[in-house]
Amino acid sequence: MSHWTFLRALIATNLKASTALRGAFLMQCFFMVLNNLIFFAVWWIFFKNFREIGGWGLPEITALYGVVAGCFGWAMILGGGIRHLARMITDGDLDSFMTQPKNLLVHAAGSHSMASGWGDVISAIILIHFSGYLTWHNLPVLVLCMISGTLLFMCAGVLFNSMAFFLGPVDTLARQMFEFVVTFSVYPQTIFTGYMKLMLFTLIPAGFIGYLPIEALRDFRWSHLVAIIVGTAAYAGFTLVVFHLGLKRYTSGNRVGVRV
């Protein structure tokens, strides 16, 4: 069984569990859609009074919210376990995954699937449709950007939670840093300058999740796609290096080894 087949089986199992209480599942989706639209309404009110911000108008911001919501939603559906990774590390719960023949990170990430992620995906479809950027011409670029953004959200979650290998219980800090990625992704990067903008294209990959994909949709250039692909690959590679370095520390001195 390949990693992808194994991941699909994990997601299918988690989805069945989350939809067992269908009413609760539908309510989570509904309130997530409502939550996203309420937050987006702030920008709608803003553009009622101002024409643009940093060269972006309401269509671009609408597409930005849609792309970010979709990427975040798929990340939580496919890899909701990353939100619990720091706790797994500090509590020694990775041991149960290490005894399995499948990839540890894939197994841990796919061990949870957040039903509310489907609400984010629905929000994405609604927002991107009304932005005017959901066209057959843009579809290949949009799909590529959604895939890269989903990977970046998952990698950011793994990277921040991997601090637990080196610093101990940091699940609150990791959660806050992950929220920073979400928060900064829904702002046009044209309003940031200097070191702040540099951070949004390095440690916090918000620029690759939101800004560059919208730039590729509104004014397609191959350089945009190359930057997105290279940035995603580099961030994913760095994340895997940090995770596996941390995993060596975990296996050489985890909590199970000192339990009585």
Protein backbone atom coordinates (compact mmCIF):
# COMPACT_ATOMS: atom_id res chain seq x y z
CA MET A 1 0.00 0.00 0.00
CA SER A 2 1.50 3.35 -1.07
CA HIS A 3 1.63 6.42 1.16
CA TRP A 4 -1.15 8.07 -0.86
CA THR A 5 -3.39 5.01 -0.66
CA PHE A 6 -2.73 4.82 3.07
CA LEU A 7 -3.51 8.53 3.49
CA ARG A 8 -6.76 8.16 1.53
CA ALA A 9 -7.75 5.28 3.80
CA LEU A 10 -7.00 7.41 6.88
CA ILE A 11 -9.03 10.34 5.54
CA ALA A 12 -11.93 8.07 4.59
CA THR A 13 -11.95 6.57 8.09
CA ASN A 14 -11.80 9.99 9.76
CA LEU A 15 -14.51 11.35 7.47
CA LYS A 16 -16.82 8.47 8.33
CA ALA A 17 -16.21 9.14 12.01
CA SER A 18 -16.85 12.89 11.66
CA THR A 19 -20.06 12.35 9.66
CA ALA A 20 -21.39 9.66 11.99
CA LEU A 21 -23.25 12.49 13.73
CA ARG A 22 -24.47 14.08 10.52
CA GLY A 23 -26.24 16.95 12.23
CA ALA A 24 -23.08 18.00 14.09
CA PHE A 25 -21.04 17.68 10.89
CA LEU A 26 -23.41 19.92 8.93
CA MET A 27 -23.53 22.46 11.75
CA GLN A 28 -19.72 22.66 11.86
CA CYS A 29 -19.60 23.24 8.11
CA PHE A 30 -22.39 25.82 8.22
CA PHE A 31 -20.87 27.85 11.04
CA MET A 32 -17.42 27.76 9.43
CA VAL A 33 -18.88 29.16 6.19
CA LEU A 34 -20.73 31.79 8.21
CA ASN A 35 -17.58 32.63 10.17
CA ASN A 36 -15.53 33.10 6.99
CA LEU A 37 -18.17 35.27 5.34
CA ILE A 38 -18.49 37.46 8.44
CA PHE A 39 -14.74 38.05 8.52
CA PHE A 40 -14.74 38.78 4.80
CA ALA A 41 -17.57 41.30 5.29
CA VAL A 42 -15.04 43.62 6.96
CA TRP A 43 -13.22 43.96 3.62
CA TRP A 44 -16.52 44.40 1.78
CA ILE A 45 -17.32 47.35 4.06
CA PHE A 46 -13.79 48.70 3.58
CA PHE A 47 -14.11 48.73 -0.21
CA LYS A 48 -17.44 50.49 0.07
CA ASN A 49 -15.40 53.51 1.18
CA PHE A 50 -12.05 52.96 -0.54
CA ARG A 51 -11.38 51.93 -4.11
CA GLU A 52 -8.24 49.85 -3.62
CA ILE A 53 -5.41 48.97 -1.27
CA GLY A 54 -1.92 48.47 -2.61
CA GLY A 55 -3.29 48.12 -6.14
CA TRP A 56 -5.79 45.44 -5.13
CA GLY A 57 -9.54 45.90 -5.30
CA LEU A 58 -12.46 43.90 -3.93
CA PRO A 59 -12.18 41.11 -6.59
CA GLU A 60 -8.56 40.41 -5.63
CA ILE A 61 -9.28 40.40 -1.89
CA THR A 62 -12.28 38.12 -2.49
CA ALA A 63 -10.11 35.69 -4.43
CA LEU A 64 -7.42 35.94 -1.74
CA TYR A 65 -9.86 34.97 1.01
CA GLY A 66 -11.18 32.16 -1.15
CA VAL A 67 -7.77 30.69 -1.97
CA VAL A 68 -6.55 30.89 1.64
CA ALA A 69 -9.79 29.38 2.99
CA GLY A 70 -9.58 26.53 0.48
CA CYS A 71 -5.93 25.78 1.22
CA PHE A 72 -6.51 25.86 4.96
CA GLY A 73 -9.61 23.70 4.63
CA TRP A 74 -7.87 21.00 2.62
CA ALA A 75 -4.90 21.07 5.01
CA MET A 76 -7.23 20.42 7.95
CA ILE A 77 -9.16 17.71 6.08
CA LEU A 78 -6.06 15.87 4.87
CA GLY A 79 -3.69 16.57 7.75
CA GLY A 80 -5.60 17.74 10.80
CA GLY A 81 -3.23 15.72 12.95
CA ILE A 82 -0.55 18.39 12.57
CA ARG A 83 -2.49 20.56 15.03
CA HIS A 84 -1.81 17.92 17.72
CA LEU A 85 1.76 17.08 16.73
CA ALA A 86 3.50 19.06 19.50
CA ARG A 87 1.37 17.35 22.14
CA MET A 88 2.09 13.95 20.57
CA ILE A 89 5.82 14.68 20.78
CA THR A 90 5.87 15.85 24.40
CA ASP A 91 3.52 13.10 25.59
CA GLY A 92 5.45 10.35 23.82
CA ASP A 93 2.46 9.50 21.64
CA LEU A 94 4.57 9.16 18.48
CA ASP A 95 5.63 5.71 19.70
CA SER A 96 2.42 4.14 18.43
CA PHE A 97 3.13 5.54 14.96
CA MET A 98 6.79 4.50 14.99
CA THR A 99 5.84 0.84 15.38
CA GLN A 100 3.81 0.96 12.16
CA PRO A 101 5.35 0.18 8.75
CA LYS A 102 3.93 3.34 7.16
CA ASN A 103 5.54 6.79 7.02
CA LEU A 104 5.39 8.28 10.52
CA LEU A 105 4.66 11.86 9.45
CA VAL A 106 1.94 10.85 6.98
CA HIS A 107 0.33 8.65 9.64
CA ALA A 108 0.50 11.32 12.36
CA ALA A 109 -0.79 14.08 10.07
CA GLY A 110 -3.63 11.94 8.75
CA SER A 111 -4.63 10.67 12.18
CA HIS A 112 -7.17 13.50 12.51
CA SER A 113 -9.46 15.17 10.00
CA MET A 114 -11.30 18.34 10.96
CA ALA A 115 -14.89 18.38 9.71
CA SER A 116 -14.91 22.19 9.77
CA GLY A 117 -12.37 22.08 6.95
CA TRP A 118 -15.20 21.24 4.56
CA GLY A 119 -16.81 24.53 5.56
CA ASP A 120 -13.61 26.30 4.52
CA VAL A 121 -13.65 24.51 1.16
CA ILE A 122 -17.27 25.52 0.57
CA SER A 123 -16.36 29.11 1.50
CA ALA A 124 -13.51 28.98 -1.01
CA ILE A 125 -15.79 27.92 -3.85
CA ILE A 126 -18.28 30.69 -3.03
CA LEU A 127 -15.69 33.45 -2.69
CA ILE A 128 -13.57 32.52 -5.71
CA HIS A 129 -16.72 32.25 -7.83
CA PHE A 130 -17.89 35.74 -6.87
CA SER A 131 -14.39 37.17 -7.32
CA GLY A 132 -14.62 36.50 -11.05
CA TYR A 133 -11.35 34.58 -11.11
CA LEU A 134 -12.96 31.13 -11.30
CA THR A 135 -12.65 30.62 -15.07
CA TRP A 136 -11.55 27.75 -17.29
CA HIS A 137 -8.54 29.84 -18.28
CA ASN A 138 -7.45 30.28 -14.65
CA LEU A 139 -8.40 26.80 -13.46
CA PRO A 140 -4.98 25.08 -13.96
CA VAL A 141 -3.21 27.92 -12.15
CA LEU A 142 -5.83 27.92 -9.40
CA VAL A 143 -5.52 24.16 -8.83
CA LEU A 144 -1.72 24.40 -8.68
CA CYS A 145 -1.92 27.28 -6.20
CA MET A 146 -4.42 25.41 -4.04
CA ILE A 147 -2.17 22.35 -3.93
CA SER A 148 0.92 24.39 -3.06
CA GLY A 149 -0.96 26.42 -0.45
CA THR A 150 -2.33 23.27 1.17
CA LEU A 151 1.17 21.80 1.36
CA LEU A 152 2.54 25.03 2.82
CA PHE A 153 -0.11 25.14 5.55
CA MET A 154 0.65 21.53 6.45
CA CYS A 155 4.41 22.14 6.39
CA ALA A 156 4.07 25.25 8.55
CA GLY A 157 2.09 23.23 11.07
CA VAL A 158 4.71 20.47 11.11
CA LEU A 159 7.59 22.96 11.37
CA PHE A 160 6.15 24.93 14.28
CA ASN A 161 5.03 21.84 16.15
CA SER A 162 8.46 20.26 15.63
CA MET A 163 9.85 22.83 18.06
CA ALA A 164 8.58 20.44 20.74
CA PHE A 165 11.47 18.11 19.88
CA PHE A 166 13.94 20.79 20.95
CA LEU A 167 12.06 23.03 23.40
CA GLY A 168 9.60 20.73 25.14
CA PRO A 169 5.91 21.64 25.60
CA VAL A 170 5.30 24.38 23.02
CA ASP A 171 1.85 23.42 21.74
CA THR A 172 0.39 26.85 22.62
CA LEU A 173 3.26 28.69 20.91
CA ALA A 174 3.06 26.40 17.87
CA ARG A 175 -0.68 27.02 17.61
CA GLN A 176 -0.17 30.79 17.77
CA MET A 177 2.53 30.72 15.09
CA PHE A 178 0.28 28.63 12.86
CA GLU A 179 -2.49 31.19 13.35
CA PHE A 180 -0.03 33.89 12.26
CA VAL A 181 0.30 32.11 8.92
CA VAL A 182 -3.47 32.13 8.48
CA THR A 183 -3.81 35.76 9.58
CA PHE A 184 -1.06 37.20 7.39
CA SER A 185 -2.13 35.12 4.38
CA VAL A 186 -5.40 37.05 4.04
CA TYR A 187 -3.73 40.45 3.77
CA PRO A 188 -2.26 41.83 0.52
CA GLN A 189 1.51 41.72 0.89
CA THR A 190 1.81 45.12 -0.79
CA ILE A 191 1.04 46.73 2.59
CA PHE A 192 4.14 45.14 4.16
CA THR A 193 7.73 46.23 3.61
CA GLY A 194 11.26 45.46 4.77
CA TYR A 195 11.92 42.69 7.26
CA MET A 196 8.21 42.05 7.75
CA LYS A 197 7.76 41.23 4.08
CA LEU A 198 10.89 39.06 4.14
CA MET A 199 9.45 37.06 7.05
CA LEU A 200 6.22 36.48 5.09
CA PHE A 201 8.22 34.74 2.35
CA THR A 202 10.45 32.70 4.68
CA LEU A 203 9.51 31.59 8.22
CA ILE A 204 5.82 32.42 7.75
CA PRO A 205 5.08 31.44 4.12
CA ALA A 206 1.98 33.65 3.85
CA GLY A 207 3.24 35.31 0.68
CA PHE A 208 3.40 31.99 -1.17
CA ILE A 209 -0.05 30.94 0.08
CA GLY A 210 -2.03 34.09 -0.70
CA TYR A 211 -0.20 36.93 -2.41
CA LEU A 212 1.67 35.18 -5.24
CA PRO A 213 -1.29 32.96 -6.25
CA ILE A 214 -3.54 36.01 -6.65
CA GLU A 215 -0.85 37.83 -8.60
CA ALA A 216 -0.63 34.78 -10.87
CA LEU A 217 -4.41 34.85 -11.38
CA ARG A 218 -4.73 38.58 -12.04
CA ASP A 219 -1.62 39.01 -14.20
CA PHE A 220 -0.21 35.62 -15.17
CA ARG A 221 3.54 35.33 -15.47
CA TRP A 222 5.60 32.17 -15.49
CA SER A 223 7.87 33.77 -12.90
CA HIS A 224 4.95 33.71 -10.45
CA LEU A 225 4.44 29.97 -10.88
CA VAL A 226 8.17 29.26 -10.66
CA ALA A 227 8.40 31.29 -7.44
CA ILE A 228 5.41 29.42 -5.95
CA ILE A 229 6.78 25.99 -6.87
CA VAL A 230 10.36 26.73 -5.75
CA GLY A 231 9.17 28.41 -2.54
CA THR A 232 6.89 25.48 -1.69
CA ALA A 233 9.60 22.91 -2.42
CA ALA A 234 12.20 24.79 -0.35
CA TYR A 235 9.86 25.24 2.61
CA ALA A 236 8.76 21.60 2.48
CA GLY A 237 12.37 20.43 2.28
CA PHE A 238 13.38 22.58 5.25
CA THR A 239 10.40 21.30 7.25
CA LEU A 240 11.30 17.67 6.60
CA VAL A 241 14.92 18.27 7.62
CA VAL A 242 13.86 19.91 10.91
CA PHE A 243 11.29 17.18 11.63
CA HIS A 244 13.73 14.33 11.04
CA LEU A 245 16.46 16.04 13.07
CA GLY A 246 13.97 16.37 15.89
CA LEU A 247 12.85 12.78 15.46
CA LYS A 248 16.40 11.62 16.13
CA ARG A 249 16.30 13.43 19.47
CA TYR A 250 12.92 11.88 20.22
CA THR A 251 14.07 8.32 19.54
CA SER A 252 17.24 8.78 21.59
CA GLY A 253 15.49 10.11 24.70
CA ASN A 254 11.71 10.21 24.61
CA ARG A 255 9.46 10.13 27.67
CA VAL A 256 8.66 6.44 27.29
CA GLY A 257 12.28 5.65 28.03
CA VAL A 258 12.09 7.20 31.49
CA ARG A 259 8.64 6.03 32.54
CA VAL A 260 8.44 3.76 35.58
